[in-house]
Amino acid sequence: MPKIRLLLVLVVAATAAAVLPGTANADTLPITHTCSPGPCGAWHDSPVTVTYDMPATPDPGSDASCQTGPFNEPGASFTCTATFNAGADSGSDSVVVLVDQSAPGLAGAVGPDRPPDFNGWYNHAVTFGFPWSDPLSRLAGDCQTGVTYNGASGTGIRVASSCADNAGNGNGAQSPAFNFDGGGPTGVAGAPARPADHNGWFNHAVAVAFTGTDPTSGISSCTSTTYAGPDNAAAAIAGGCTNGAGLTAAGAPVVLRYDDGAPAVTGATADRPPDSNGWYNHPVAFAFHGSDSASGIAGCSSASYSGPDDGTASLRGSCTDNAGNSASRTISFRFDEHAPDQSKLFAIPANKSIDLSWSPPSDAASYTITRKPAVGATAPTLVYQGSGTHFVDTGLDNGKKYNYVLTTFDAAGNGRITGKSAVPDGSSLRPFIDSEVGKPPRLSWGKVRRARYYNLQLFKGRKKILSTWPKRASLRLKSSWRYNGKKIKLRPGLYRWYVWPGYGSMKRHKYGNLVGSSTFRLVK
């Protein structure tokens, strides 16, 4: 019996099913099948033709159910039955044909796993999900359901995904366009807004700005700050820039020297110690000095003082630091370069002594007195040193003239001299020779035995201006009197007087030897 081949074709777009093999019982004739393209139990993306093999020629009309195709039905199951030898024999066979001619599709929108990182930009790896789906033959194992991008920076970037189902149908898709910048700004650097104020130092607030570049997302912002302290020889100002994708890059710190504090003027040093008792009595120079803990001292001024006299004299000096800041300070000191006013020296001779006294000026502080014989080359002898106003020089020779020099010193050591000469005298006459008086003096002398009166004569120069006969051994002069019919006034100047003793009645005009004579000087 010759074999008869039947063709069956089926296109399937449903879920894969197991192939049902042909079956036959012991009383039947076997029927087998083949698929083209094969195999029969696999998914196909095009119509399938089924061919049946039979051991004999089927009875006429018995193969009506043996469909050969081509079939494009999704997952159809077919059974082939036939009778042979006028129904004496029979056979059957079943086959499932799997056909899927549709490519996988997207079950939803393609999207990233998160929103953009900054201002519409992604700045590190981002994954886009592709929701591939194939309800019939299902997805094959090589479908890209998630695609991660971490590549070159740019705008309008898209990622692609591909997918195939188990029937071999393939499809591809792209993500929406996005912006990606995975690198921070470059060339980031900072600089102060102006040059240093002085000698490489800033001495008041300075703005510092950073700049940078970014070829992809551009620069969004950079650090801009102002430095206003603290003082520092190496102040470091940090900063950086942020690009449009939100990535930040730091630049090297801007290092600058900053000092906005004035130096301290710590004092001044004179070019010599005070001349006397803390006083300067001739021009003096002061050098100011200071300190600065930040930039250090660049220099300080000097100043000289030469007057006027002042117990609270002052000089103002300054110091400048290396940053150009300066400060000043006033110092006080005592200055007097003028000698005190002259003292008035009085010398009253006595027996082998001279009574010295003086009227000091208001600024006198101390005195010295030297004595030197008026005749001879003897060096002066210091006989007094102190702050008093009276001294008695003893141990002298009567009748010998002595020159005295009184030096009056003020507190600053300036001195002024006053001279006076005096002659010690054992005479009883008072005032002593050359005494200075400020008012009409009392003239006195020693009593003479048996004298009943005395004759006193007063001269100014060679002119006699008074002759009187006191009964006592003294006479107080008046400021004025009458003599020889004229009014006489006691005026400043040098006067000499003489005195004689008188015996018996004044009418007898009997006088003894001269008691003595002396001089005085009236000063006003």
Protein backbone atom coordinates (compact mmCIF):
# COMPACT_ATOMS: atom_id res chain seq x y z
CA MET A 1 0.00 0.00 0.00
CA PRO A 2 1.63 3.35 -0.93
CA LYS A 3 2.16 6.11 1.78
CA ILE A 4 0.00 9.23 1.60
CA ARG A 5 1.40 12.53 3.04
CA LEU A 6 -0.98 15.20 4.33
CA LEU A 7 0.24 18.79 4.99
CA LEU A 8 -1.00 20.80 8.02
CA VAL A 9 -0.01 24.45 8.66
CA LEU A 10 -0.90 26.47 11.86
CA VAL A 11 0.08 30.01 13.09
CA VAL A 12 -0.04 30.25 16.89
CA ALA A 13 0.03 33.33 19.16
CA ALA A 14 -0.86 31.66 22.43
CA THR A 15 0.95 30.08 25.35
CA ALA A 16 3.35 27.26 24.45
CA ALA A 17 1.95 23.70 24.91
CA ALA A 18 3.54 20.29 24.87
CA VAL A 19 3.57 18.34 21.62
CA LEU A 20 1.08 15.42 21.63
CA PRO A 21 2.69 12.46 19.96
CA GLY A 22 0.81 10.27 17.54
CA THR A 23 -0.81 7.28 19.17
CA ALA A 24 -2.02 3.86 17.84
CA ASN A 25 -3.48 0.76 19.40
CA ALA A 26 -2.58 -2.77 18.65
CA ASP A 27 -5.43 -3.14 16.10
CA THR A 28 -4.65 0.04 14.33
CA LEU A 29 -2.19 1.12 11.79
CA PRO A 30 0.27 3.77 12.99
CA ILE A 31 0.03 7.35 11.67
CA THR A 32 3.01 9.76 12.27
CA HIS A 33 3.57 13.41 11.47
CA THR A 34 6.30 15.94 10.78
CA CYS A 35 6.22 19.77 10.85
CA SER A 36 7.80 22.24 8.50
CA PRO A 37 9.48 24.13 9.70
CA GLY A 38 10.07 21.86 12.62
CA PRO A 39 10.13 20.72 15.23
CA CYS A 40 6.45 20.43 15.89
CA GLY A 41 6.66 21.13 19.65
CA ALA A 42 8.51 24.45 19.32
CA TRP A 43 7.25 27.99 18.80
CA HIS A 44 7.38 29.35 15.29
CA ASP A 45 7.16 32.89 14.00
CA SER A 46 5.68 31.79 10.62
CA PRO A 47 2.91 29.36 9.43
CA VAL A 48 3.57 25.63 10.03
CA THR A 49 2.78 22.80 7.59
CA VAL A 50 2.08 19.32 9.01
CA THR A 51 2.82 16.18 7.01
CA TYR A 52 1.29 12.82 8.00
CA ASP A 53 2.83 9.49 7.21
CA MET A 54 0.47 6.47 6.94
CA PRO A 55 1.31 2.77 6.40
CA ALA A 56 -1.44 2.29 3.79
CA THR A 57 -3.85 4.13 1.67
CA PRO A 58 -6.71 5.31 3.81
CA ASP A 59 -10.21 4.47 2.90
CA PRO A 60 -11.81 7.06 0.72
CA GLY A 61 -13.17 9.90 2.77
CA SER A 62 -11.62 8.76 6.04
CA ASP A 63 -8.91 11.41 6.19
CA ALA A 64 -11.20 14.34 6.33
CA SER A 65 -9.87 15.31 9.77
CA CYS A 66 -6.20 15.14 8.84
CA GLN A 67 -5.56 18.84 8.29
CA THR A 68 -2.21 19.76 6.82
CA GLY A 69 -2.27 23.55 6.84
CA PRO A 70 -0.29 25.67 6.58
CA PHE A 71 -1.54 26.75 9.96
CA ASN A 72 -1.02 30.15 11.65
CA GLU A 73 -3.33 29.59 14.57
CA PRO A 74 -1.87 30.16 18.01
CA GLY A 75 -1.42 26.87 19.79
CA ALA A 76 -3.97 24.76 17.86
CA SER A 77 -4.31 21.01 18.52
CA PHE A 78 -5.28 18.71 15.67
CA THR A 79 -6.09 14.98 15.46
CA CYS A 80 -5.77 12.91 12.30
CA THR A 81 -7.84 9.68 12.01
CA ALA A 82 -8.10 7.25 9.08
CA THR A 83 -9.48 3.79 8.26
CA PHE A 84 -7.87 1.31 6.01
CA ASN A 85 -8.92 -1.82 4.19
CA ALA A 86 -12.57 -0.93 4.10
CA GLY A 87 -12.61 -0.13 7.70
CA ALA A 88 -10.83 -3.29 8.75
CA ASP A 89 -7.94 -1.26 10.09
CA SER A 90 -7.76 2.27 11.58
CA GLY A 91 -5.21 4.81 12.95
CA SER A 92 -5.05 8.22 14.56
CA ASP A 93 -2.48 10.90 15.47
CA SER A 94 -2.65 14.23 17.32
CA VAL A 95 -0.37 17.28 16.94
CA VAL A 96 -0.19 20.75 18.60
CA VAL A 97 1.19 23.49 16.41
CA LEU A 98 2.72 26.67 18.18
CA VAL A 99 2.86 29.81 16.03
CA ASP A 100 3.52 33.44 17.28
CA GLN A 101 4.06 36.03 14.57
CA SER A 102 3.85 39.13 16.94
CA ALA A 103 6.98 40.72 18.41
CA PRO A 104 7.21 41.56 22.13
CA GLY A 105 5.75 44.92 23.08
CA LEU A 106 6.06 47.42 25.94
CA ALA A 107 3.47 47.04 28.62
CA GLY A 108 4.09 50.55 29.95
CA ALA A 109 6.17 53.67 29.62
CA VAL A 110 9.94 53.53 29.51
CA GLY A 111 11.33 55.57 32.43
CA PRO A 112 14.29 56.15 34.80
CA ASP A 113 14.52 54.66 38.26
CA ARG A 114 14.59 58.16 39.86
CA PRO A 115 14.04 61.81 39.03
CA PRO A 116 16.98 63.90 37.75
CA ASP A 117 19.60 64.62 40.43
CA PHE A 118 19.86 68.37 39.96
CA ASN A 119 18.15 70.92 37.77
CA GLY A 120 17.03 68.34 35.18
CA TRP A 121 20.44 66.60 35.04
CA TYR A 122 21.56 63.17 36.09
CA ASN A 123 25.03 63.17 37.64
CA HIS A 124 25.57 59.46 38.40
CA ALA A 125 24.44 56.11 37.04
CA VAL A 126 20.74 55.97 36.15
CA THR A 127 18.74 52.90 35.12
CA PHE A 128 15.84 53.02 32.65
CA GLY A 129 13.22 50.33 32.89
CA PHE A 130 11.77 48.74 29.71
CA PRO A 131 8.53 46.84 30.61
CA TRP A 132 8.70 44.25 27.80
CA SER A 133 5.75 41.84 27.48
CA ASP A 134 4.71 38.97 25.22
CA PRO A 135 1.49 37.25 26.30
CA LEU A 136 1.73 34.41 23.76
CA SER A 137 5.15 32.82 23.49
CA ARG A 138 6.55 34.79 26.44
CA LEU A 139 9.83 36.64 26.62
CA ALA A 140 13.08 34.93 25.92
CA GLY A 141 15.89 35.20 28.44
CA ASP A 142 17.87 37.90 26.60
CA CYS A 143 15.35 40.74 26.98
CA GLN A 144 16.85 43.99 28.44
CA THR A 145 14.27 45.08 30.94
CA GLY A 146 16.62 47.50 32.67
CA VAL A 147 19.42 49.50 31.00
CA THR A 148 21.89 51.45 33.17
CA TYR A 149 23.71 54.51 31.82
CA ASN A 150 26.93 55.85 33.35
CA GLY A 151 28.78 56.95 30.26
CA ALA A 152 29.84 60.07 28.51
CA SER A 153 28.33 63.39 29.54
CA GLY A 154 25.99 65.10 27.15
CA THR A 155 22.51 66.33 26.39
CA GLY A 156 19.67 64.52 24.63
CA ILE A 157 21.10 61.10 25.46
CA ARG A 158 18.96 57.99 24.88
CA VAL A 159 19.53 54.38 25.88
CA ALA A 160 18.22 51.43 23.81
CA SER A 161 16.84 48.03 24.76
CA SER A 162 16.07 44.94 22.67
CA CYS A 163 13.86 41.97 23.34
CA ALA A 164 12.83 38.70 21.64
CA ASP A 165 10.08 36.23 22.45
CA ASN A 166 10.34 32.45 22.45
CA ALA A 167 9.10 32.35 18.85
CA GLY A 168 12.10 34.42 17.76
CA ASN A 169 10.26 37.66 17.16
CA GLY A 170 12.47 40.63 18.13
CA ASN A 171 11.80 44.27 18.99
CA GLY A 172 13.74 47.31 20.18
CA ALA A 173 12.99 50.60 21.97
CA GLN A 174 14.73 53.77 23.19
CA SER A 175 14.39 55.74 26.37
CA PRO A 176 13.22 59.35 26.40
CA ALA A 177 16.08 61.84 25.87
CA PHE A 178 17.87 62.90 29.06
CA ASN A 179 20.85 65.04 30.18
CA PHE A 180 23.81 63.44 31.89
CA ASP A 181 26.96 64.97 33.41
CA GLY A 182 29.03 62.66 35.55
CA GLY A 183 32.07 64.95 35.91
CA GLY A 184 32.47 67.99 38.18
CA PRO A 185 33.72 71.42 37.11
CA THR A 186 37.34 71.77 36.03
CA GLY A 187 39.90 74.53 36.36
CA VAL A 188 38.43 75.66 39.66
CA ALA A 189 40.52 78.44 41.21
CA GLY A 190 39.98 81.40 43.49
CA ALA A 191 41.50 84.86 43.70
CA PRO A 192 41.06 88.02 45.79
CA ALA A 193 39.11 90.83 44.19
CA ARG A 194 41.95 93.35 44.52
CA PRO A 195 45.70 93.47 45.04
CA ALA A 196 47.15 93.40 48.54
CA ASP A 197 46.93 96.72 50.37
CA HIS A 198 50.50 97.02 51.57
CA ASN A 199 53.66 94.99 51.27
CA GLY A 200 51.77 91.84 50.28
CA TRP A 201 49.30 92.18 53.18
CA PHE A 202 45.58 92.92 53.18
CA ASN A 203 44.59 95.34 55.93
CA HIS A 204 40.81 95.48 55.45
CA ALA A 205 38.05 93.14 54.32
CA VAL A 206 38.72 91.55 50.94
CA ALA A 207 36.33 89.67 48.63
CA VAL A 208 37.50 86.29 47.31
CA ALA A 209 35.76 84.70 44.29
CA PHE A 210 36.22 81.25 42.73
CA THR A 211 35.71 80.45 39.02
CA GLY A 212 35.64 77.25 36.98
CA THR A 213 34.45 75.70 33.72
CA ASP A 214 32.18 72.83 32.71
CA PRO A 215 31.71 72.08 29.00
CA THR A 216 28.56 70.01 29.48
CA SER A 217 26.15 71.38 32.06
CA GLY A 218 27.90 74.69 32.61
CA ILE A 219 28.67 76.41 35.91
CA SER A 220 25.72 76.91 38.22
CA SER A 221 27.49 78.73 41.04
CA CYS A 222 30.90 79.36 42.57
CA THR A 223 31.99 80.39 46.03
CA SER A 224 32.11 84.13 46.63
CA THR A 225 33.03 85.21 50.12
CA THR A 226 34.60 88.06 52.05
CA TYR A 227 37.49 87.61 54.47
CA ALA A 228 37.61 90.09 57.33
CA GLY A 229 39.73 88.31 59.92
CA PRO A 230 41.10 87.05 62.13
CA ASP A 231 44.62 88.30 61.49
CA ASN A 232 46.66 85.53 59.95
CA ALA A 233 49.93 85.38 58.05
CA ALA A 234 48.54 82.46 56.02
CA ALA A 235 44.74 82.73 56.04
CA ALA A 236 43.31 79.95 53.83
CA ILE A 237 39.93 80.63 52.18
CA ALA A 238 38.28 77.47 50.85
CA GLY A 239 35.89 77.44 47.93
CA GLY A 240 34.73 75.68 44.81
CA CYS A 241 32.20 75.61 41.97
CA THR A 242 29.02 73.62 41.29
CA ASN A 243 28.02 72.71 37.75
CA GLY A 244 24.52 72.58 36.28
CA ALA A 245 24.24 68.91 37.23
CA GLY A 246 24.87 69.66 40.92
CA LEU A 247 28.41 68.28 41.08
CA THR A 248 30.88 70.33 43.08
CA ALA A 249 34.64 70.58 42.72
CA ALA A 250 36.85 72.37 45.24
CA GLY A 251 39.69 74.60 44.20
CA ALA A 252 42.96 75.05 46.00
CA PRO A 253 42.44 77.33 49.02
CA VAL A 254 43.28 80.98 48.42
CA VAL A 255 46.06 81.78 50.88
CA LEU A 256 46.57 85.42 51.79
CA ARG A 257 48.24 87.48 54.49
CA TYR A 258 45.74 89.49 56.50
CA ASP A 259 46.21 92.03 59.29
CA ASP A 260 43.65 94.74 59.95
CA GLY A 261 44.67 95.43 63.54
CA ALA A 262 46.80 98.43 64.43
CA PRO A 263 50.15 97.74 66.10
CA ALA A 264 50.69 98.49 69.77
CA VAL A 265 52.94 101.47 70.49
CA THR A 266 54.59 100.18 73.65
CA GLY A 267 56.56 103.28 74.56
CA ALA A 268 59.56 105.42 73.71
CA THR A 269 63.21 105.44 74.73
CA ALA A 270 65.15 108.66 75.28
CA ASP A 271 68.64 109.04 73.84
CA ARG A 272 69.95 109.61 77.36
CA PRO A 273 68.78 109.42 80.98
CA PRO A 274 67.12 112.47 82.58
CA ASP A 275 69.60 115.18 83.54
CA SER A 276 68.44 115.70 87.12
CA ASN A 277 65.71 114.31 89.33
CA GLY A 278 63.77 112.94 86.38
CA TRP A 279 64.01 116.25 84.49
CA TYR A 280 65.60 116.98 81.12
CA ASN A 281 67.29 120.36 80.92
CA HIS A 282 68.45 120.42 77.30
CA PRO A 283 67.05 118.99 74.02
CA VAL A 284 66.26 115.27 74.11
CA ALA A 285 65.27 112.79 71.40
CA PHE A 286 62.88 109.88 71.85
CA ALA A 287 62.65 106.75 69.68
CA PHE A 288 59.23 105.10 69.79
CA HIS A 289 58.88 101.32 69.72
CA GLY A 290 55.99 98.88 69.40
CA SER A 291 54.85 95.35 68.64
CA ASP A 292 52.49 93.59 66.26
CA SER A 293 51.70 89.88 66.59
CA ALA A 294 50.39 89.48 63.04
CA SER A 295 52.50 91.19 60.36
CA GLY A 296 55.21 92.59 62.63
CA ILE A 297 56.50 96.13 63.02
CA ALA A 298 57.79 97.88 59.92
CA GLY A 299 59.01 100.97 61.73
CA CYS A 300 58.38 103.56 64.43
CA SER A 301 58.92 107.31 64.48
CA SER A 302 61.39 109.41 66.45
CA ALA A 303 60.88 112.90 67.83
CA SER A 304 62.93 115.56 69.56
CA TYR A 305 61.91 118.07 72.19
CA SER A 306 63.62 121.37 72.95
CA GLY A 307 60.94 123.34 74.75
CA PRO A 308 58.95 125.01 76.08
CA ASP A 309 59.60 124.26 79.75
CA ASP A 310 56.85 122.01 81.04
CA GLY A 311 56.52 119.63 83.93
CA THR A 312 54.15 117.59 81.77
CA ALA A 313 55.83 118.02 78.39
CA SER A 314 54.66 115.50 75.78
CA LEU A 315 55.59 114.06 72.40
CA ARG A 316 53.43 111.98 70.10
CA GLY A 317 54.92 109.16 68.06
CA SER A 318 53.64 106.33 65.91
CA CYS A 319 54.42 102.84 64.68
CA THR A 320 53.43 101.15 61.41
CA ASP A 321 53.16 97.42 60.86
CA ASN A 322 54.08 95.54 57.69
CA ALA A 323 50.42 95.56 56.62
CA GLY A 324 50.32 99.36 56.59
CA ASN A 325 48.29 99.79 59.79
CA SER A 326 49.52 102.51 62.13
CA ALA A 327 48.92 103.63 65.69
CA SER A 328 50.17 106.54 67.78
CA ARG A 329 50.85 107.24 71.42
CA THR A 330 51.73 110.24 73.54
CA ILE A 331 54.48 110.09 76.15
CA SER A 332 54.97 112.57 78.97
CA PHE A 333 58.17 113.77 80.61
CA ARG A 334 59.51 116.78 82.50
CA PHE A 335 61.54 119.45 80.72
CA ASP A 336 63.14 122.67 81.98
CA GLU A 337 66.16 124.22 80.31
CA HIS A 338 66.00 127.65 82.00
CA ALA A 339 67.84 128.53 85.15
CA PRO A 340 65.78 129.65 88.13
CA ASP A 341 65.46 133.31 89.02
CA GLN A 342 68.37 134.81 90.91
CA SER A 343 68.32 134.55 94.67
CA LYS A 344 69.01 137.60 96.80
CA LEU A 345 72.03 136.91 98.97
CA PHE A 346 72.58 138.73 102.27
CA ALA A 347 75.88 138.64 104.13
CA ILE A 348 76.14 139.97 107.66
CA PRO A 349 79.72 140.15 108.99
CA ALA A 350 80.35 139.06 112.53
CA ASN A 351 83.36 138.32 114.65
CA LYS A 352 85.34 135.78 112.58
CA SER A 353 82.19 134.75 110.76
CA ILE A 354 79.77 135.73 108.06
CA ASP A 355 76.05 135.19 108.50
CA LEU A 356 74.66 134.29 105.07
CA SER A 357 70.98 134.17 104.16
CA TRP A 358 69.10 134.29 100.88
CA SER A 359 65.62 134.71 99.52
CA PRO A 360 64.91 131.83 97.10
CA PRO A 361 62.87 132.04 93.87
CA SER A 362 59.72 129.94 93.56
CA ASP A 363 61.37 127.19 91.50
CA ALA A 364 64.46 126.76 93.70
CA ALA A 365 65.19 123.24 94.88
CA SER A 366 68.73 123.28 96.33
CA TYR A 367 71.72 125.52 96.86
CA THR A 368 75.50 125.49 97.06
CA ILE A 369 77.77 128.19 98.48
CA THR A 370 81.44 128.49 97.69
CA ARG A 371 83.89 130.80 99.43
CA LYS A 372 87.09 132.25 98.05
CA PRO A 373 89.39 134.85 99.59
CA ALA A 374 89.23 138.07 97.59
CA VAL A 375 93.02 138.21 97.43
CA GLY A 376 95.11 135.33 96.15
CA ALA A 377 94.69 132.43 93.76
CA THR A 378 93.09 130.03 96.20
CA ALA A 379 90.50 127.72 94.66
CA PRO A 380 86.88 128.15 95.83
CA THR A 381 85.82 126.05 98.81
CA LEU A 382 82.37 124.48 99.03
CA VAL A 383 81.01 125.58 102.38
CA TYR A 384 77.32 124.75 102.01
CA GLN A 385 75.10 122.34 100.06
CA GLY A 386 71.43 121.74 100.80
CA SER A 387 67.94 123.12 100.58
CA GLY A 388 68.00 125.60 103.46
CA THR A 389 68.09 129.41 103.19
CA HIS A 390 70.54 130.29 105.98
CA PHE A 391 74.17 129.46 106.76
CA VAL A 392 76.81 130.90 109.10
CA ASP A 393 80.37 130.58 107.82
CA THR A 394 82.72 130.52 110.79
CA GLY A 395 86.46 130.33 111.46
CA LEU A 396 87.27 133.35 109.32
CA ASP A 397 89.89 136.03 109.71
CA ASN A 398 88.58 139.44 110.78
CA GLY A 399 89.33 142.14 108.28
CA LYS A 400 89.88 139.69 105.46
CA LYS A 401 87.53 140.02 102.49
CA TYR A 402 85.80 136.91 101.25
CA ASN A 403 83.89 136.39 98.01
CA TYR A 404 80.85 134.13 98.22
CA VAL A 405 79.02 132.55 95.29
CA LEU A 406 75.49 131.22 95.89
CA THR A 407 74.26 128.84 93.15
CA THR A 408 70.53 128.27 93.12
CA PHE A 409 69.43 125.03 91.40
CA ASP A 410 65.96 124.13 90.24
CA ALA A 411 64.66 120.54 90.15
CA ALA A 412 65.95 120.11 86.60
CA GLY A 413 69.52 120.89 87.67
CA ASN A 414 69.66 124.33 86.08
CA GLY A 415 71.66 126.75 88.20
CA ARG A 416 71.98 130.51 88.58
CA ILE A 417 74.69 132.20 90.61
CA THR A 418 74.64 135.20 92.91
CA GLY A 419 77.83 136.74 94.28
CA LYS A 420 78.49 138.61 97.50
CA SER A 421 81.58 139.83 99.30
CA ALA A 422 81.87 140.30 103.05
CA VAL A 423 84.55 141.11 105.62
CA PRO A 424 84.37 139.56 109.11
CA ASP A 425 84.66 142.28 111.76
CA GLY A 426 84.93 142.29 115.54
CA SER A 427 83.29 145.67 115.55
CA SER A 428 80.15 146.16 117.57
CA LEU A 429 78.61 148.29 114.83
CA ARG A 430 75.45 147.02 113.31
CA PRO A 431 74.54 146.56 110.49
CA PHE A 432 77.90 145.15 109.54
CA ILE A 433 79.80 146.60 106.65
CA ASP A 434 78.07 146.22 103.27
CA SER A 435 74.90 144.81 104.77
CA GLU A 436 71.83 145.07 102.55
CA VAL A 437 68.61 146.25 104.17
CA GLY A 438 65.14 146.54 102.79
CA LYS A 439 63.91 149.25 105.16
CA PRO A 440 65.45 152.02 107.30
CA PRO A 441 67.79 150.15 109.65
CA ARG A 442 68.50 150.49 113.34
CA LEU A 443 72.10 151.61 113.71
CA SER A 444 73.77 150.39 116.89
CA TRP A 445 77.23 150.25 118.47
CA GLY A 446 78.84 149.24 121.72
CA LYS A 447 78.48 151.52 124.74
CA VAL A 448 81.45 153.69 125.55
CA ARG A 449 82.29 154.15 129.27
CA ARG A 450 81.40 157.61 130.68
CA ALA A 451 79.93 158.72 127.37
CA ARG A 452 76.77 160.75 127.96
CA TYR A 453 75.81 161.05 124.31
CA TYR A 454 77.09 160.23 120.86
CA ASN A 455 77.46 162.03 117.58
CA LEU A 456 76.28 160.01 114.55
CA GLN A 457 76.93 161.28 111.04
CA LEU A 458 75.41 159.70 107.90
CA PHE A 459 76.81 160.17 104.37
CA LYS A 460 75.60 159.22 100.95
CA GLY A 461 78.59 159.37 98.75
CA ARG A 462 80.55 162.41 99.95
CA LYS A 463 77.49 164.30 101.01
CA LYS A 464 76.56 164.45 104.66
CA ILE A 465 72.84 164.09 105.02
CA LEU A 466 72.50 163.67 108.77
CA SER A 467 74.30 164.65 112.01
CA THR A 468 72.51 163.78 115.23
CA TRP A 469 73.31 163.27 118.93
CA PRO A 470 71.52 160.24 120.36
CA LYS A 471 71.96 159.57 124.08
CA ARG A 472 71.79 155.80 123.61
CA ALA A 473 74.09 153.50 121.69
CA SER A 474 71.56 153.05 118.85
CA LEU A 475 69.41 155.00 116.48
CA ARG A 476 66.50 153.93 114.28
CA LEU A 477 66.67 155.79 111.01
CA LYS A 478 63.46 157.13 109.54
CA SER A 479 62.44 157.15 105.93
CA SER A 480 62.78 160.96 105.85
CA TRP A 481 63.96 163.88 107.99
CA ARG A 482 65.13 167.48 107.75
CA TYR A 483 68.78 168.48 107.75
CA ASN A 484 70.25 171.94 107.22
CA GLY A 485 66.76 173.14 106.31
CA LYS A 486 66.22 170.53 103.66
CA LYS A 487 64.02 167.45 103.59
CA ILE A 488 66.08 164.32 103.23
CA LYS A 489 64.62 160.95 102.04
CA LEU A 490 66.26 157.64 102.60
CA ARG A 491 66.48 156.31 99.04
CA PRO A 492 68.01 153.07 97.76
CA GLY A 493 71.77 153.21 97.63
CA LEU A 494 74.98 152.87 99.64
CA TYR A 495 75.30 154.81 102.93
CA ARG A 496 78.27 155.22 105.30
CA TRP A 497 77.96 156.24 108.92
CA TYR A 498 80.33 157.23 111.70
CA VAL A 499 79.87 157.49 115.48
CA TRP A 500 81.87 159.25 118.23
CA PRO A 501 81.34 159.27 122.04
CA GLY A 502 80.55 162.59 123.75
CA TYR A 503 81.58 163.49 127.33
CA GLY A 504 80.12 165.96 129.73
CA SER A 505 77.76 168.66 128.56
CA MET A 506 76.99 168.82 124.88
CA LYS A 507 77.92 172.52 125.03
CA ARG A 508 81.49 171.59 125.73
CA HIS A 509 81.74 169.64 122.41
CA LYS A 510 84.11 167.16 124.00
CA TYR A 511 84.35 163.99 121.90
CA GLY A 512 86.37 160.86 122.23
CA ASN A 513 87.97 158.68 119.60
CA LEU A 514 85.87 157.34 116.74
CA VAL A 515 83.86 154.36 117.94
CA GLY A 516 83.75 153.06 114.36
CA SER A 517 82.20 153.33 110.98
CA SER A 518 80.17 151.01 108.81
CA THR A 519 78.10 150.89 105.63
CA PHE A 520 74.75 149.60 104.58
CA ARG A 521 72.93 149.38 101.28
CA LEU A 522 69.23 150.11 101.10
CA VAL A 523 67.48 147.98 98.49
CA LYS A 524 63.85 148.01 97.55
